[in-house]
Amino acid sequence: MDISNLLIKPRLPQYFPSISGTRSNIRDLYSLPCSSISHLRCSWKAELFPVPFGQASRSHLLKPCHVKSEDSEGTLTGESIIMNKQSLERELQNAIEEENYARAAKIRDSLRNLQEDSKASVLAANAQFYNSFRNGDLVTMQALWSKGENVCVVHPGVSGISGYDLVMGSWEFVWADYEFPLQIEVKDVQVNVRGDLGYVTCIEMVKTKGKSWGRQFATNVFEKINGQWFMCIHHASYVDL
């Protein structure tokens, strides 16, 4: 069955939190010109029923997002970078407690080099994104994203949702029926960085309880703000298993 002809029978939470600390009505998502939120959950897990062709989609789309990249590919994994950083931080703490300041200085240099390695930092941010996805950690997800109206998420099978508050609301909406942790595998990871923009492409394999594996091609775009990488675009689209 063509998923473009499906809508969900939604069970909506009434509110989602906004960055301003106020509560926004989740139904505000329906009024977005760039959003097909009315069938958002059909991209992951939902009660589906067919509707006449043309009623399930919206004609309003976001402008294309373009990021320039350098001609190189990443070979490290985000998980290994995070583990390396955590290991160095533990070693630094031990060196300080032992008052071995020469060793502590060398470890600080290693940490600084790791943080200044743009590709490593982007891969680490990408790994943190999937860790928060895997665990349904909305607080971490909120911290990972750039705070602005230009951020955008495209969940599989639907149009784009833009604006920080609505992007976060969409994650809470999609996750409402999940049992965590999810099974998520990330394969074929490639990273490209130029200046303060970087992006990761990968295959994400997602499995919810009692369901088969879903396979998406994902593009995750990050921007560097005050020395830290934040996600500004997540775009996932279905691919055949």
C-alpha atoms as a PDB file:
ATOM      1  CA  MET A   1       0.000   0.000   0.000  1.00  0.00           C
ATOM      2  CA  ASP A   2       1.325   3.446  -0.923  1.00  0.00           C
ATOM      3  CA  ILE A   3       2.028   5.336   2.301  1.00  0.00           C
ATOM      4  CA  SER A   4       1.197   8.613   0.573  1.00  0.00           C
ATOM      5  CA  ASN A   5      -2.452   7.486   0.662  1.00  0.00           C
ATOM      6  CA  LEU A   6      -2.527   6.865   4.402  1.00  0.00           C
ATOM      7  CA  LEU A   7      -3.528   8.985   7.341  1.00  0.00           C
ATOM      8  CA  ILE A   8      -3.322   8.171  11.016  1.00  0.00           C
ATOM      9  CA  LYS A   9      -6.140   8.038  13.454  1.00  0.00           C
ATOM     10  CA  PRO A  10      -4.222  10.192  15.935  1.00  0.00           C
ATOM     11  CA  ARG A  11      -4.282  10.064  19.715  1.00  0.00           C
ATOM     12  CA  LEU A  12      -2.946  13.540  20.399  1.00  0.00           C
ATOM     13  CA  PRO A  13      -1.319  14.931  23.516  1.00  0.00           C
ATOM     14  CA  GLN A  14      -3.000  18.304  24.053  1.00  0.00           C
ATOM     15  CA  TYR A  15       0.126  20.345  24.668  1.00  0.00           C
ATOM     16  CA  PHE A  16       3.855  20.356  24.088  1.00  0.00           C
ATOM     17  CA  PRO A  17       6.386  22.634  25.839  1.00  0.00           C
ATOM     18  CA  SER A  18       7.875  25.590  23.989  1.00  0.00           C
ATOM     19  CA  ILE A  19      11.316  27.123  24.357  1.00  0.00           C
ATOM     20  CA  SER A  20       9.745  30.169  26.019  1.00  0.00           C
ATOM     21  CA  GLY A  21       8.484  27.986  28.848  1.00  0.00           C
ATOM     22  CA  THR A  22       4.843  28.301  27.811  1.00  0.00           C
ATOM     23  CA  ARG A  23       2.613  25.514  26.622  1.00  0.00           C
ATOM     24  CA  SER A  24       1.677  25.355  22.974  1.00  0.00           C
ATOM     25  CA  ASN A  25      -1.285  23.454  21.643  1.00  0.00           C
ATOM     26  CA  ILE A  26      -0.084  20.388  19.723  1.00  0.00           C
ATOM     27  CA  ARG A  27      -2.843  21.064  17.206  1.00  0.00           C
ATOM     28  CA  ASP A  28      -0.923  24.164  16.139  1.00  0.00           C
ATOM     29  CA  LEU A  29       1.213  21.706  14.178  1.00  0.00           C
ATOM     30  CA  TYR A  30      -1.727  21.071  11.873  1.00  0.00           C
ATOM     31  CA  SER A  31      -1.824  24.668  10.696  1.00  0.00           C
ATOM     32  CA  LEU A  32       1.774  24.694   9.460  1.00  0.00           C
ATOM     33  CA  PRO A  33       2.000  25.263   5.706  1.00  0.00           C
ATOM     34  CA  CYS A  34       5.129  23.088   5.582  1.00  0.00           C
ATOM     35  CA  SER A  35       3.807  20.233   7.684  1.00  0.00           C
ATOM     36  CA  SER A  36       1.962  17.004   7.036  1.00  0.00           C
ATOM     37  CA  ILE A  37       1.740  16.473  10.780  1.00  0.00           C
ATOM     38  CA  SER A  38      -1.769  15.080  10.371  1.00  0.00           C
ATOM     39  CA  HIS A  39      -0.180  11.775   9.364  1.00  0.00           C
ATOM     40  CA  LEU A  40       3.170  12.155  11.124  1.00  0.00           C
ATOM     41  CA  ARG A  41       2.947   8.977  13.164  1.00  0.00           C
ATOM     42  CA  CYS A  42       2.386   6.893  10.064  1.00  0.00           C
ATOM     43  CA  SER A  43       6.092   7.400   9.415  1.00  0.00           C
ATOM     44  CA  TRP A  44       6.935   5.258  12.432  1.00  0.00           C
ATOM     45  CA  LYS A  45       4.035   3.629  14.297  1.00  0.00           C
ATOM     46  CA  ALA A  46       0.320   4.293  13.947  1.00  0.00           C
ATOM     47  CA  GLU A  47      -3.155   2.997  13.269  1.00  0.00           C
ATOM     48  CA  LEU A  48      -3.457   3.470   9.511  1.00  0.00           C
ATOM     49  CA  PHE A  49      -6.456   3.622   7.266  1.00  0.00           C
ATOM     50  CA  PRO A  50      -6.689   4.461   3.551  1.00  0.00           C
ATOM     51  CA  VAL A  51      -8.044   7.766   2.261  1.00  0.00           C
ATOM     52  CA  PRO A  52      -8.659   8.962  -1.289  1.00  0.00           C
ATOM     53  CA  PHE A  53      -5.554   9.846  -3.233  1.00  0.00           C
ATOM     54  CA  GLY A  54      -4.445  13.440  -2.835  1.00  0.00           C
ATOM     55  CA  GLN A  55      -5.974  14.049   0.595  1.00  0.00           C
ATOM     56  CA  ALA A  56      -3.018  12.720   2.561  1.00  0.00           C
ATOM     57  CA  SER A  57      -0.388  15.093   1.255  1.00  0.00           C
ATOM     58  CA  ARG A  58       0.111  18.837   1.452  1.00  0.00           C
ATOM     59  CA  SER A  59       1.339  20.913  -1.471  1.00  0.00           C
ATOM     60  CA  HIS A  60       3.322  23.358   0.674  1.00  0.00           C
ATOM     61  CA  LEU A  61       6.962  22.343   0.932  1.00  0.00           C
ATOM     62  CA  LEU A  62      10.056  23.854   2.487  1.00  0.00           C
ATOM     63  CA  LYS A  63      12.737  25.428   0.343  1.00  0.00           C
ATOM     64  CA  PRO A  64      15.587  22.987  -0.381  1.00  0.00           C
ATOM     65  CA  CYS A  65      18.446  22.964   2.116  1.00  0.00           C
ATOM     66  CA  HIS A  66      21.938  23.163   0.599  1.00  0.00           C
ATOM     67  CA  VAL A  67      25.242  22.527   2.381  1.00  0.00           C
ATOM     68  CA  LYS A  68      28.647  22.604   0.727  1.00  0.00           C
ATOM     69  CA  SER A  69      31.084  19.856   1.667  1.00  0.00           C
ATOM     70  CA  GLU A  70      34.720  19.064   1.231  1.00  0.00           C
ATOM     71  CA  ASP A  71      35.835  16.085  -0.849  1.00  0.00           C
ATOM     72  CA  SER A  72      36.584  13.731   1.997  1.00  0.00           C
ATOM     73  CA  GLU A  73      34.902  11.009   3.958  1.00  0.00           C
ATOM     74  CA  GLY A  74      34.860  10.220   7.656  1.00  0.00           C
ATOM     75  CA  THR A  75      36.263   6.956   8.942  1.00  0.00           C
ATOM     76  CA  LEU A  76      35.747   7.301  12.698  1.00  0.00           C
ATOM     77  CA  THR A  77      32.463   6.499  14.391  1.00  0.00           C
ATOM     78  CA  GLY A  78      30.637   8.903  16.642  1.00  0.00           C
ATOM     79  CA  GLU A  79      30.407   6.297  19.387  1.00  0.00           C
ATOM     80  CA  SER A  80      34.169   5.729  19.401  1.00  0.00           C
ATOM     81  CA  ILE A  81      34.795   9.481  19.591  1.00  0.00           C
ATOM     82  CA  ILE A  82      32.453   9.850  22.560  1.00  0.00           C
ATOM     83  CA  MET A  83      34.124   6.905  24.308  1.00  0.00           C
ATOM     84  CA  ASN A  84      37.566   8.373  23.621  1.00  0.00           C
ATOM     85  CA  LYS A  85      36.497  11.744  25.032  1.00  0.00           C
ATOM     86  CA  GLN A  86      35.020  10.142  28.147  1.00  0.00           C
ATOM     87  CA  SER A  87      38.169   8.056  28.638  1.00  0.00           C
ATOM     88  CA  LEU A  88      40.395  11.133  28.346  1.00  0.00           C
ATOM     89  CA  GLU A  89      38.225  13.025  30.819  1.00  0.00           C
ATOM     90  CA  ARG A  90      38.555  10.175  33.338  1.00  0.00           C
ATOM     91  CA  GLU A  91      42.313  10.055  32.813  1.00  0.00           C
ATOM     92  CA  LEU A  92      42.505  13.815  33.311  1.00  0.00           C
ATOM     93  CA  GLN A  93      40.605  13.595  36.575  1.00  0.00           C
ATOM     94  CA  ASN A  94      42.864  10.784  37.792  1.00  0.00           C
ATOM     95  CA  ALA A  95      45.999  12.738  36.861  1.00  0.00           C
ATOM     96  CA  ILE A  96      44.755  15.785  38.764  1.00  0.00           C
ATOM     97  CA  GLU A  97      43.896  13.695  41.827  1.00  0.00           C
ATOM     98  CA  GLU A  98      47.383  12.154  41.675  1.00  0.00           C
ATOM     99  CA  GLU A  99      48.851  15.657  41.258  1.00  0.00           C
ATOM    100  CA  ASN A 100      50.577  14.501  38.081  1.00  0.00           C
ATOM    101  CA  TYR A 101      50.230  17.877  36.403  1.00  0.00           C
ATOM    102  CA  ALA A 102      52.583  17.157  33.502  1.00  0.00           C
ATOM    103  CA  ARG A 103      50.423  14.202  32.485  1.00  0.00           C
ATOM    104  CA  ALA A 104      47.271  16.262  33.050  1.00  0.00           C
ATOM    105  CA  ALA A 105      48.590  18.944  30.684  1.00  0.00           C
ATOM    106  CA  LYS A 106      49.182  16.370  27.940  1.00  0.00           C
ATOM    107  CA  ILE A 107      45.689  14.940  28.402  1.00  0.00           C
ATOM    108  CA  ARG A 108      44.210  18.445  28.185  1.00  0.00           C
ATOM    109  CA  ASP A 109      46.035  18.929  24.891  1.00  0.00           C
ATOM    110  CA  SER A 110      44.600  15.655  23.597  1.00  0.00           C
ATOM    111  CA  LEU A 111      41.092  16.709  24.643  1.00  0.00           C
ATOM    112  CA  ARG A 112      41.546  20.100  22.983  1.00  0.00           C
ATOM    113  CA  ASN A 113      42.727  18.480  19.754  1.00  0.00           C
ATOM    114  CA  LEU A 114      39.743  16.134  19.785  1.00  0.00           C
ATOM    115  CA  GLN A 115      37.328  19.021  20.334  1.00  0.00           C
ATOM    116  CA  GLU A 116      38.957  21.087  17.590  1.00  0.00           C
ATOM    117  CA  ASP A 117      38.762  18.217  15.093  1.00  0.00           C
ATOM    118  CA  SER A 118      35.629  19.319  13.255  1.00  0.00           C
ATOM    119  CA  LYS A 119      34.785  15.944  11.756  1.00  0.00           C
ATOM    120  CA  ALA A 120      35.215  14.183  15.078  1.00  0.00           C
ATOM    121  CA  SER A 121      33.008  16.759  16.784  1.00  0.00           C
ATOM    122  CA  VAL A 122      30.271  16.467  14.158  1.00  0.00           C
ATOM    123  CA  LEU A 123      30.344  12.673  14.398  1.00  0.00           C
ATOM    124  CA  ALA A 124      30.102  12.920  18.181  1.00  0.00           C
ATOM    125  CA  ALA A 125      27.073  15.226  17.898  1.00  0.00           C
ATOM    126  CA  ASN A 126      25.518  12.793  15.421  1.00  0.00           C
ATOM    127  CA  ALA A 127      26.051   9.899  17.855  1.00  0.00           C
ATOM    128  CA  GLN A 128      24.460  11.919  20.660  1.00  0.00           C
ATOM    129  CA  PHE A 129      21.435  12.507  18.438  1.00  0.00           C
ATOM    130  CA  TYR A 130      20.930   8.778  17.890  1.00  0.00           C
ATOM    131  CA  ASN A 131      21.525   8.029  21.571  1.00  0.00           C
ATOM    132  CA  SER A 132      18.753  10.462  22.507  1.00  0.00           C
ATOM    133  CA  PHE A 133      16.549   8.953  19.779  1.00  0.00           C
ATOM    134  CA  ARG A 134      17.265   5.436  21.058  1.00  0.00           C
ATOM    135  CA  ASN A 135      16.377   6.315  24.652  1.00  0.00           C
ATOM    136  CA  GLY A 136      13.534   8.742  24.025  1.00  0.00           C
ATOM    137  CA  ASP A 137      15.546  11.408  25.854  1.00  0.00           C
ATOM    138  CA  LEU A 138      13.687  14.602  24.998  1.00  0.00           C
ATOM    139  CA  VAL A 139      15.837  16.784  27.282  1.00  0.00           C
ATOM    140  CA  THR A 140      19.013  15.747  25.443  1.00  0.00           C
ATOM    141  CA  MET A 141      17.252  16.089  22.083  1.00  0.00           C
ATOM    142  CA  GLN A 142      16.253  19.649  22.983  1.00  0.00           C
ATOM    143  CA  ALA A 143      19.835  20.505  23.953  1.00  0.00           C
ATOM    144  CA  LEU A 144      21.259  19.067  20.714  1.00  0.00           C
ATOM    145  CA  TRP A 145      19.270  21.311  18.383  1.00  0.00           C
ATOM    146  CA  SER A 146      20.021  24.881  17.405  1.00  0.00           C
ATOM    147  CA  LYS A 147      17.482  27.271  18.927  1.00  0.00           C
ATOM    148  CA  GLY A 148      15.898  29.132  16.060  1.00  0.00           C
ATOM    149  CA  GLU A 149      13.116  29.324  13.513  1.00  0.00           C
ATOM    150  CA  ASN A 150      15.284  28.013  10.663  1.00  0.00           C
ATOM    151  CA  VAL A 151      15.775  24.490  12.034  1.00  0.00           C
ATOM    152  CA  CYS A 152      13.892  21.775  10.182  1.00  0.00           C
ATOM    153  CA  VAL A 153      12.937  18.132  10.622  1.00  0.00           C
ATOM    154  CA  VAL A 154      11.578  15.864   7.888  1.00  0.00           C
ATOM    155  CA  HIS A 155      10.241  12.634   9.355  1.00  0.00           C
ATOM    156  CA  PRO A 156       9.901   9.693   6.923  1.00  0.00           C
ATOM    157  CA  GLY A 157       6.978   9.996   4.562  1.00  0.00           C
ATOM    158  CA  VAL A 158       5.891  13.512   5.517  1.00  0.00           C
ATOM    159  CA  SER A 159       6.777  17.093   4.676  1.00  0.00           C
ATOM    160  CA  GLY A 160       9.039  19.425   6.637  1.00  0.00           C
ATOM    161  CA  ILE A 161       8.413  20.962  10.045  1.00  0.00           C
ATOM    162  CA  SER A 162      10.372  24.119  10.825  1.00  0.00           C
ATOM    163  CA  GLY A 163      10.970  26.152  13.964  1.00  0.00           C
ATOM    164  CA  TYR A 164      12.574  24.886  17.165  1.00  0.00           C
ATOM    165  CA  ASP A 165       9.387  24.564  19.236  1.00  0.00           C
ATOM    166  CA  LEU A 166       7.472  22.692  16.547  1.00  0.00           C
ATOM    167  CA  VAL A 167      10.423  20.422  15.760  1.00  0.00           C
ATOM    168  CA  MET A 168      10.651  19.436  19.432  1.00  0.00           C
ATOM    169  CA  GLY A 169       6.891  19.004  19.585  1.00  0.00           C
ATOM    170  CA  SER A 170       7.057  16.653  16.606  1.00  0.00           C
ATOM    171  CA  TRP A 171       9.585  14.400  18.371  1.00  0.00           C
ATOM    172  CA  GLU A 172       7.394  14.222  21.469  1.00  0.00           C
ATOM    173  CA  PHE A 173       4.400  13.451  19.267  1.00  0.00           C
ATOM    174  CA  VAL A 174       6.184  10.712  17.315  1.00  0.00           C
ATOM    175  CA  TRP A 175       7.571   9.112  20.484  1.00  0.00           C
ATOM    176  CA  ALA A 176       4.252   9.104  22.373  1.00  0.00           C
ATOM    177  CA  ASP A 177       3.525   5.391  21.821  1.00  0.00           C
ATOM    178  CA  TYR A 178       7.082   4.043  21.911  1.00  0.00           C
ATOM    179  CA  GLU A 179       8.522   1.689  24.489  1.00  0.00           C
ATOM    180  CA  PHE A 180      12.146   2.626  25.106  1.00  0.00           C
ATOM    181  CA  PRO A 181      14.921   1.902  24.493  1.00  0.00           C
ATOM    182  CA  LEU A 182      14.490   1.416  20.766  1.00  0.00           C
ATOM    183  CA  GLN A 183      16.777  -0.721  18.664  1.00  0.00           C
ATOM    184  CA  ILE A 184      18.695   1.614  16.356  1.00  0.00           C
ATOM    185  CA  GLU A 185      21.634   0.790  14.131  1.00  0.00           C
ATOM    186  CA  VAL A 186      23.465   3.432  12.107  1.00  0.00           C
ATOM    187  CA  LYS A 187      25.410   2.279   9.036  1.00  0.00           C
ATOM    188  CA  ASP A 188      27.328   3.718   6.078  1.00  0.00           C
ATOM    189  CA  VAL A 189      28.180   6.898   7.988  1.00  0.00           C
ATOM    190  CA  GLN A 190      29.857   9.663   5.979  1.00  0.00           C
ATOM    191  CA  VAL A 191      30.787  13.084   7.358  1.00  0.00           C
ATOM    192  CA  ASN A 192      31.625  16.299   5.511  1.00  0.00           C
ATOM    193  CA  VAL A 193      32.584  19.625   7.076  1.00  0.00           C
ATOM    194  CA  ARG A 194      33.436  23.064   5.791  1.00  0.00           C
ATOM    195  CA  GLY A 195      33.741  26.023   8.107  1.00  0.00           C
ATOM    196  CA  ASP A 196      30.860  26.234  10.551  1.00  0.00           C
ATOM    197  CA  LEU A 197      28.620  23.822   8.634  1.00  0.00           C
ATOM    198  CA  GLY A 198      28.846  20.044   8.563  1.00  0.00           C
ATOM    199  CA  TYR A 199      26.604  17.179   7.593  1.00  0.00           C
ATOM    200  CA  VAL A 200      26.388  13.444   8.117  1.00  0.00           C
ATOM    201  CA  THR A 201      24.704  10.982   5.774  1.00  0.00           C
ATOM    202  CA  CYS A 202      23.873   7.492   6.979  1.00  0.00           C
ATOM    203  CA  ILE A 203      21.461   4.600   6.877  1.00  0.00           C
ATOM    204  CA  GLU A 204      19.423   4.424  10.068  1.00  0.00           C
ATOM    205  CA  MET A 205      17.785   1.134  11.009  1.00  0.00           C
ATOM    206  CA  VAL A 206      15.001   1.576  13.577  1.00  0.00           C
ATOM    207  CA  LYS A 207      13.026  -1.194  15.266  1.00  0.00           C
ATOM    208  CA  THR A 208      10.207  -0.604  17.733  1.00  0.00           C
ATOM    209  CA  LYS A 209       8.820  -3.322  19.990  1.00  0.00           C
ATOM    210  CA  GLY A 210       6.872  -5.930  18.059  1.00  0.00           C
ATOM    211  CA  LYS A 211       7.662  -4.359  14.693  1.00  0.00           C
ATOM    212  CA  SER A 212      10.075  -5.194  11.904  1.00  0.00           C
ATOM    213  CA  TRP A 213      13.107  -3.091  11.066  1.00  0.00           C
ATOM    214  CA  GLY A 214      12.497   0.195   9.264  1.00  0.00           C
ATOM    215  CA  ARG A 215      15.291   1.503   7.055  1.00  0.00           C
ATOM    216  CA  GLN A 216      15.786   5.191   6.315  1.00  0.00           C
ATOM    217  CA  PHE A 217      18.424   7.244   4.553  1.00  0.00           C
ATOM    218  CA  ALA A 218      19.183  10.203   6.809  1.00  0.00           C
ATOM    219  CA  THR A 219      20.927  13.510   6.302  1.00  0.00           C
ATOM    220  CA  ASN A 220      21.817  15.331   9.519  1.00  0.00           C
ATOM    221  CA  VAL A 221      23.075  18.903   9.202  1.00  0.00           C
ATOM    222  CA  PHE A 222      24.953  20.668  11.993  1.00  0.00           C
ATOM    223  CA  GLU A 223      26.058  24.254  12.543  1.00  0.00           C
ATOM    224  CA  LYS A 224      28.844  25.418  14.820  1.00  0.00           C
ATOM    225  CA  ILE A 225      27.797  28.043  17.360  1.00  0.00           C
ATOM    226  CA  ASN A 226      30.279  29.391  19.912  1.00  0.00           C
ATOM    227  CA  GLY A 227      32.531  26.391  19.379  1.00  0.00           C
ATOM    228  CA  GLN A 228      29.803  23.744  19.745  1.00  0.00           C
ATOM    229  CA  TRP A 229      27.997  21.778  17.047  1.00  0.00           C
ATOM    230  CA  PHE A 230      24.192  21.864  17.034  1.00  0.00           C
ATOM    231  CA  MET A 231      21.765  20.026  14.769  1.00  0.00           C
ATOM    232  CA  CYS A 232      19.768  22.269  12.458  1.00  0.00           C
ATOM    233  CA  ILE A 233      18.280  19.750   9.984  1.00  0.00           C
ATOM    234  CA  HIS A 234      17.306  16.079  10.236  1.00  0.00           C
ATOM    235  CA  HIS A 235      15.878  14.589   7.041  1.00  0.00           C
ATOM    236  CA  ALA A 236      14.974  10.893   6.926  1.00  0.00           C
ATOM    237  CA  SER A 237      13.374   9.106   3.979  1.00  0.00           C
ATOM    238  CA  TYR A 238      12.379   5.502   3.426  1.00  0.00           C
ATOM    239  CA  VAL A 239      14.572   3.102   1.488  1.00  0.00           C
ATOM    240  CA  ASP A 240      13.865  -0.519   0.635  1.00  0.00           C
ATOM    241  CA  LEU A 241      15.325  -3.184   2.898  1.00  0.00           C
END
